[in-house]
Amino acid sequence: MNLVHRWLCNSALWQARVEERIIPWALAELELGKKVLEIGPGPGITTDVLRQRIVDLTCVEIECTYAASLARRMAGKNVTVLCGDGAAVPLANDSFDGVLCFTMLHHLSSAELQDRLLAEAARVLRPGGIFAGVDSLSSRLFRLLHIGDAMLPVNPQTFPDRLEAAGFANIQVDSNKHGFRFRASKP
């Protein structure tokens, strides 16, 4: 991420948006279970909110600097942090009741990587487990914020087909003016 984007993702403004809008909208009326995986937490603003709702939270973050910092901050809490690739999760099949990712799919540089992440989320979920999250819609401000970053916005209209191809069922994708949320389950 570029410097402006890193600053924003660590800001009080972003923290308030995550706490008040993003996570409540993403997780409304969902039962995730006790053991949940968060893919791509970045600096951990979402993790701070999730750990209060989830009994056993594991995070996989590709940027080892972020992973190490988050692991130090979460030491002694109900969170395990691993440095790893969400498109090649270093965890066992059928391990989690829920898998979550927030505003990170667009950071994957190709549709193939995004689809591998979706397949990995399905692989590590137990049957009946929930995959849910939120991502942003492209806009002028969104593109400016991502200058110099990997950025491939996900099309919410075609996302249900991609989730189905990854092995999910009961797929729901809803949009608002800023982004979209998705929910699906592993059969």
C-alpha atoms as a PDB file:
ATOM      1  CA  MET A   1       0.000   0.000   0.000  1.00  0.00           C
ATOM      2  CA  ASN A   2       1.145   3.543  -0.634  1.00  0.00           C
ATOM      3  CA  LEU A   3       1.850   5.904   2.280  1.00  0.00           C
ATOM      4  CA  VAL A   4      -1.516   7.695   2.151  1.00  0.00           C
ATOM      5  CA  HIS A   5      -3.350   4.388   2.080  1.00  0.00           C
ATOM      6  CA  ARG A   6      -1.266   3.055   5.012  1.00  0.00           C
ATOM      7  CA  TRP A   7      -2.016   6.226   6.974  1.00  0.00           C
ATOM      8  CA  LEU A   8      -5.757   5.922   6.307  1.00  0.00           C
ATOM      9  CA  CYS A   9      -5.853   2.223   7.283  1.00  0.00           C
ATOM     10  CA  ASN A  10      -4.273   3.116  10.645  1.00  0.00           C
ATOM     11  CA  SER A  11      -6.386   6.214  11.294  1.00  0.00           C
ATOM     12  CA  ALA A  12      -9.098   6.930  13.850  1.00  0.00           C
ATOM     13  CA  LEU A  13     -11.379   7.762  10.908  1.00  0.00           C
ATOM     14  CA  TRP A  14     -10.982   4.249   9.470  1.00  0.00           C
ATOM     15  CA  GLN A  15     -11.340   2.687  12.932  1.00  0.00           C
ATOM     16  CA  ALA A  16     -14.663   4.477  13.435  1.00  0.00           C
ATOM     17  CA  ARG A  17     -15.900   3.401   9.996  1.00  0.00           C
ATOM     18  CA  VAL A  18     -14.941  -0.227  10.696  1.00  0.00           C
ATOM     19  CA  GLU A  19     -16.600  -0.245  14.136  1.00  0.00           C
ATOM     20  CA  GLU A  20     -19.755   1.680  13.223  1.00  0.00           C
ATOM     21  CA  ARG A  21     -20.457   0.656   9.630  1.00  0.00           C
ATOM     22  CA  ILE A  22     -18.358  -2.020   7.989  1.00  0.00           C
ATOM     23  CA  ILE A  23     -18.387  -4.854  10.518  1.00  0.00           C
ATOM     24  CA  PRO A  24     -21.981  -4.319  11.696  1.00  0.00           C
ATOM     25  CA  TRP A  25     -23.199  -4.372   8.074  1.00  0.00           C
ATOM     26  CA  ALA A  26     -21.033  -7.334   7.089  1.00  0.00           C
ATOM     27  CA  LEU A  27     -21.971  -9.489  10.059  1.00  0.00           C
ATOM     28  CA  ALA A  28     -25.609  -8.468  10.618  1.00  0.00           C
ATOM     29  CA  GLU A  29     -27.712 -11.528  11.459  1.00  0.00           C
ATOM     30  CA  LEU A  30     -24.823 -13.977  10.937  1.00  0.00           C
ATOM     31  CA  GLU A  31     -23.816 -16.747  13.312  1.00  0.00           C
ATOM     32  CA  LEU A  32     -20.131 -17.362  12.629  1.00  0.00           C
ATOM     33  CA  GLY A  33     -19.381 -19.953  15.291  1.00  0.00           C
ATOM     34  CA  LYS A  34     -16.493 -20.032  17.761  1.00  0.00           C
ATOM     35  CA  LYS A  35     -13.452 -20.597  15.538  1.00  0.00           C
ATOM     36  CA  VAL A  36     -13.009 -17.949  12.821  1.00  0.00           C
ATOM     37  CA  LEU A  37     -10.290 -17.055  10.317  1.00  0.00           C
ATOM     38  CA  GLU A  38      -9.719 -13.475   9.177  1.00  0.00           C
ATOM     39  CA  ILE A  39      -7.792 -13.217   5.906  1.00  0.00           C
ATOM     40  CA  GLY A  40      -5.840 -10.019   5.273  1.00  0.00           C
ATOM     41  CA  PRO A  41      -6.316  -7.980   8.448  1.00  0.00           C
ATOM     42  CA  GLY A  42      -3.541  -5.514   7.541  1.00  0.00           C
ATOM     43  CA  PRO A  43      -2.805  -3.427  10.640  1.00  0.00           C
ATOM     44  CA  GLY A  44      -5.623  -5.149  12.550  1.00  0.00           C
ATOM     45  CA  ILE A  45      -8.320  -2.488  12.878  1.00  0.00           C
ATOM     46  CA  THR A  46     -10.918  -5.119  11.955  1.00  0.00           C
ATOM     47  CA  THR A  47      -9.240  -7.648  14.261  1.00  0.00           C
ATOM     48  CA  ASP A  48      -9.695  -5.295  17.230  1.00  0.00           C
ATOM     49  CA  VAL A  49     -13.456  -5.347  16.662  1.00  0.00           C
ATOM     50  CA  LEU A  50     -13.735  -9.027  15.725  1.00  0.00           C
ATOM     51  CA  ARG A  51     -11.845 -10.357  18.750  1.00  0.00           C
ATOM     52  CA  GLN A  52     -14.600  -8.969  20.980  1.00  0.00           C
ATOM     53  CA  ARG A  53     -17.216 -11.019  19.086  1.00  0.00           C
ATOM     54  CA  ILE A  54     -15.344 -14.261  18.413  1.00  0.00           C
ATOM     55  CA  VAL A  55     -14.063 -16.859  20.868  1.00  0.00           C
ATOM     56  CA  ASP A  56     -11.054 -18.066  18.830  1.00  0.00           C
ATOM     57  CA  LEU A  57      -9.794 -15.806  16.026  1.00  0.00           C
ATOM     58  CA  THR A  58      -6.925 -16.655  13.679  1.00  0.00           C
ATOM     59  CA  CYS A  59      -5.544 -14.043  11.267  1.00  0.00           C
ATOM     60  CA  VAL A  60      -3.473 -14.652   8.142  1.00  0.00           C
ATOM     61  CA  GLU A  61      -1.669 -11.542   6.862  1.00  0.00           C
ATOM     62  CA  ILE A  62       0.671 -11.577   3.856  1.00  0.00           C
ATOM     63  CA  GLU A  63       2.737  -8.569   4.963  1.00  0.00           C
ATOM     64  CA  CYS A  64       4.978 -10.003   7.667  1.00  0.00           C
ATOM     65  CA  THR A  65       5.604  -6.560   9.201  1.00  0.00           C
ATOM     66  CA  TYR A  66       1.883  -6.111   9.790  1.00  0.00           C
ATOM     67  CA  ALA A  67       1.562  -9.731  10.994  1.00  0.00           C
ATOM     68  CA  ALA A  68       4.396  -9.344  13.520  1.00  0.00           C
ATOM     69  CA  SER A  69       3.031  -6.048  14.823  1.00  0.00           C
ATOM     70  CA  LEU A  70      -0.479  -7.453  15.135  1.00  0.00           C
ATOM     71  CA  ALA A  71       0.816 -10.616  16.841  1.00  0.00           C
ATOM     72  CA  ARG A  72       2.623  -8.494  19.442  1.00  0.00           C
ATOM     73  CA  ARG A  73      -0.483  -6.393  20.024  1.00  0.00           C
ATOM     74  CA  MET A  74      -2.711  -9.473  20.350  1.00  0.00           C
ATOM     75  CA  ALA A  75      -0.356 -11.443  22.627  1.00  0.00           C
ATOM     76  CA  GLY A  76      -2.331 -12.969  25.482  1.00  0.00           C
ATOM     77  CA  LYS A  77      -5.670 -12.393  23.765  1.00  0.00           C
ATOM     78  CA  ASN A  78      -7.943 -14.797  21.873  1.00  0.00           C
ATOM     79  CA  VAL A  79      -6.130 -14.119  18.572  1.00  0.00           C
ATOM     80  CA  THR A  80      -3.461 -16.090  16.727  1.00  0.00           C
ATOM     81  CA  VAL A  81      -1.663 -14.214  13.928  1.00  0.00           C
ATOM     82  CA  LEU A  82       0.235 -15.906  11.104  1.00  0.00           C
ATOM     83  CA  CYS A  83       2.246 -14.395   8.281  1.00  0.00           C
ATOM     84  CA  GLY A  84       0.945 -16.125   5.180  1.00  0.00           C
ATOM     85  CA  ASP A  85      -0.815 -15.802   1.855  1.00  0.00           C
ATOM     86  CA  GLY A  86      -4.616 -15.821   1.820  1.00  0.00           C
ATOM     87  CA  ALA A  87      -4.454 -17.493  -1.594  1.00  0.00           C
ATOM     88  CA  ALA A  88      -2.416 -20.349  -0.046  1.00  0.00           C
ATOM     89  CA  VAL A  89      -3.574 -20.507   3.577  1.00  0.00           C
ATOM     90  CA  PRO A  90      -1.157 -22.532   5.731  1.00  0.00           C
ATOM     91  CA  LEU A  91      -3.971 -24.203   7.689  1.00  0.00           C
ATOM     92  CA  ALA A  92      -5.794 -27.546   7.610  1.00  0.00           C
ATOM     93  CA  ASN A  93      -8.952 -28.372   5.675  1.00  0.00           C
ATOM     94  CA  ASP A  94     -12.297 -27.974   7.464  1.00  0.00           C
ATOM     95  CA  SER A  95     -10.721 -26.057  10.390  1.00  0.00           C
ATOM     96  CA  PHE A  96     -12.985 -23.042  10.839  1.00  0.00           C
ATOM     97  CA  ASP A  97     -16.639 -22.220  11.491  1.00  0.00           C
ATOM     98  CA  GLY A  98     -16.263 -18.901   9.679  1.00  0.00           C
ATOM     99  CA  VAL A  99     -13.882 -17.098   7.331  1.00  0.00           C
ATOM    100  CA  LEU A 100     -13.909 -13.308   6.964  1.00  0.00           C
ATOM    101  CA  CYS A 101     -12.176 -10.719   4.814  1.00  0.00           C
ATOM    102  CA  PHE A 102     -12.728  -6.994   4.859  1.00  0.00           C
ATOM    103  CA  THR A 103     -11.777  -4.500   2.133  1.00  0.00           C
ATOM    104  CA  MET A 104      -8.827  -6.569   0.944  1.00  0.00           C
ATOM    105  CA  LEU A 105      -9.900  -8.582  -2.113  1.00  0.00           C
ATOM    106  CA  HIS A 106      -9.227  -5.595  -4.383  1.00  0.00           C
ATOM    107  CA  HIS A 107      -5.569  -5.653  -3.254  1.00  0.00           C
ATOM    108  CA  LEU A 108      -4.977  -8.969  -5.013  1.00  0.00           C
ATOM    109  CA  SER A 109      -3.383  -8.244  -8.364  1.00  0.00           C
ATOM    110  CA  SER A 110      -5.379 -10.676 -10.526  1.00  0.00           C
ATOM    111  CA  ALA A 111      -8.769 -12.359 -10.701  1.00  0.00           C
ATOM    112  CA  GLU A 112      -6.920 -15.683 -10.512  1.00  0.00           C
ATOM    113  CA  LEU A 113      -5.417 -14.748  -7.125  1.00  0.00           C
ATOM    114  CA  GLN A 114      -8.797 -13.567  -5.908  1.00  0.00           C
ATOM    115  CA  ASP A 115     -10.348 -16.874  -7.018  1.00  0.00           C
ATOM    116  CA  ARG A 116      -7.579 -18.835  -5.276  1.00  0.00           C
ATOM    117  CA  LEU A 117      -8.361 -16.952  -2.071  1.00  0.00           C
ATOM    118  CA  LEU A 118     -12.048 -17.836  -2.448  1.00  0.00           C
ATOM    119  CA  ALA A 119     -11.128 -21.500  -2.971  1.00  0.00           C
ATOM    120  CA  GLU A 120      -8.864 -21.423   0.095  1.00  0.00           C
ATOM    121  CA  ALA A 121     -11.667 -19.934   2.184  1.00  0.00           C
ATOM    122  CA  ALA A 122     -13.898 -22.837   1.091  1.00  0.00           C
ATOM    123  CA  ARG A 123     -11.154 -25.380   1.793  1.00  0.00           C
ATOM    124  CA  VAL A 124     -10.526 -24.300   5.393  1.00  0.00           C
ATOM    125  CA  LEU A 125     -14.232 -23.941   6.262  1.00  0.00           C
ATOM    126  CA  ARG A 126     -16.088 -26.790   7.928  1.00  0.00           C
ATOM    127  CA  PRO A 127     -19.254 -27.952   6.125  1.00  0.00           C
ATOM    128  CA  GLY A 128     -21.971 -25.423   6.952  1.00  0.00           C
ATOM    129  CA  GLY A 129     -19.372 -22.738   7.700  1.00  0.00           C
ATOM    130  CA  ILE A 130     -19.875 -19.119   6.666  1.00  0.00           C
ATOM    131  CA  PHE A 131     -17.645 -17.007   4.421  1.00  0.00           C
ATOM    132  CA  ALA A 132     -18.427 -13.301   4.697  1.00  0.00           C
ATOM    133  CA  GLY A 133     -16.902  -9.914   4.128  1.00  0.00           C
ATOM    134  CA  VAL A 134     -16.975  -6.526   2.508  1.00  0.00           C
ATOM    135  CA  ASP A 135     -15.092  -4.906  -0.321  1.00  0.00           C
ATOM    136  CA  SER A 136     -15.088  -1.468  -1.911  1.00  0.00           C
ATOM    137  CA  LEU A 137     -16.579  -0.296  -5.170  1.00  0.00           C
ATOM    138  CA  SER A 138     -14.408   1.587  -7.624  1.00  0.00           C
ATOM    139  CA  SER A 139     -14.732   5.378  -7.659  1.00  0.00           C
ATOM    140  CA  ARG A 140     -12.493   8.315  -8.484  1.00  0.00           C
ATOM    141  CA  LEU A 141     -11.470   8.746  -4.829  1.00  0.00           C
ATOM    142  CA  PHE A 142     -10.914   4.992  -4.458  1.00  0.00           C
ATOM    143  CA  ARG A 143      -8.608   4.956  -7.504  1.00  0.00           C
ATOM    144  CA  LEU A 144      -6.690   8.010  -6.225  1.00  0.00           C
ATOM    145  CA  LEU A 145      -6.204   6.367  -2.849  1.00  0.00           C
ATOM    146  CA  HIS A 146      -4.701   3.327  -4.598  1.00  0.00           C
ATOM    147  CA  ILE A 147      -2.162   5.074  -6.853  1.00  0.00           C
ATOM    148  CA  GLY A 148       0.881   2.836  -6.884  1.00  0.00           C
ATOM    149  CA  ASP A 149      -0.981  -0.003  -5.126  1.00  0.00           C
ATOM    150  CA  ALA A 150      -2.145  -3.298  -6.516  1.00  0.00           C
ATOM    151  CA  MET A 151      -5.829  -2.689  -7.168  1.00  0.00           C
ATOM    152  CA  LEU A 152      -8.339  -4.871  -8.964  1.00  0.00           C
ATOM    153  CA  PRO A 153     -11.884  -4.042  -7.863  1.00  0.00           C
ATOM    154  CA  VAL A 154     -14.278  -6.970  -7.624  1.00  0.00           C
ATOM    155  CA  ASN A 155     -17.482  -6.719  -9.648  1.00  0.00           C
ATOM    156  CA  PRO A 156     -20.370  -7.477  -7.254  1.00  0.00           C
ATOM    157  CA  GLN A 157     -22.586  -8.539 -10.180  1.00  0.00           C
ATOM    158  CA  THR A 158     -20.251 -11.396 -11.180  1.00  0.00           C
ATOM    159  CA  PHE A 159     -19.043 -12.222  -7.661  1.00  0.00           C
ATOM    160  CA  PRO A 160     -21.841 -14.737  -6.913  1.00  0.00           C
ATOM    161  CA  ASP A 161     -20.727 -16.873  -9.884  1.00  0.00           C
ATOM    162  CA  ARG A 162     -17.132 -16.738  -8.642  1.00  0.00           C
ATOM    163  CA  LEU A 163     -18.197 -17.783  -5.154  1.00  0.00           C
ATOM    164  CA  GLU A 164     -20.209 -20.659  -6.588  1.00  0.00           C
ATOM    165  CA  ALA A 165     -17.222 -21.773  -8.705  1.00  0.00           C
ATOM    166  CA  ALA A 166     -15.112 -21.792  -5.508  1.00  0.00           C
ATOM    167  CA  GLY A 167     -17.561 -24.238  -3.917  1.00  0.00           C
ATOM    168  CA  PHE A 168     -19.960 -22.017  -1.984  1.00  0.00           C
ATOM    169  CA  ALA A 169     -23.756 -22.146  -1.753  1.00  0.00           C
ATOM    170  CA  ASN A 170     -26.452 -19.893  -0.252  1.00  0.00           C
ATOM    171  CA  ILE A 171     -24.708 -16.893  -1.782  1.00  0.00           C
ATOM    172  CA  GLN A 172     -25.846 -13.364  -1.065  1.00  0.00           C
ATOM    173  CA  VAL A 173     -24.211 -10.182  -2.358  1.00  0.00           C
ATOM    174  CA  ASP A 174     -25.603  -6.752  -1.427  1.00  0.00           C
ATOM    175  CA  SER A 175     -24.282  -3.340  -2.473  1.00  0.00           C
ATOM    176  CA  ASN A 176     -24.504   0.191  -1.172  1.00  0.00           C
ATOM    177  CA  LYS A 177     -22.915   3.369  -2.542  1.00  0.00           C
ATOM    178  CA  HIS A 178     -19.496   2.584  -1.009  1.00  0.00           C
ATOM    179  CA  GLY A 179     -19.111  -1.139  -1.369  1.00  0.00           C
ATOM    180  CA  PHE A 180     -20.636  -4.570  -1.236  1.00  0.00           C
ATOM    181  CA  ARG A 181     -20.977  -7.316   1.323  1.00  0.00           C
ATOM    182  CA  PHE A 182     -21.045 -11.015   0.640  1.00  0.00           C
ATOM    183  CA  ARG A 183     -22.140 -14.087   2.533  1.00  0.00           C
ATOM    184  CA  ALA A 184     -21.971 -17.691   1.479  1.00  0.00           C
ATOM    185  CA  SER A 185     -21.784 -21.093   3.097  1.00  0.00           C
ATOM    186  CA  LYS A 186     -19.881 -24.292   2.476  1.00  0.00           C
ATOM    187  CA  PRO A 187     -22.282 -27.134   1.662  1.00  0.00           C
END
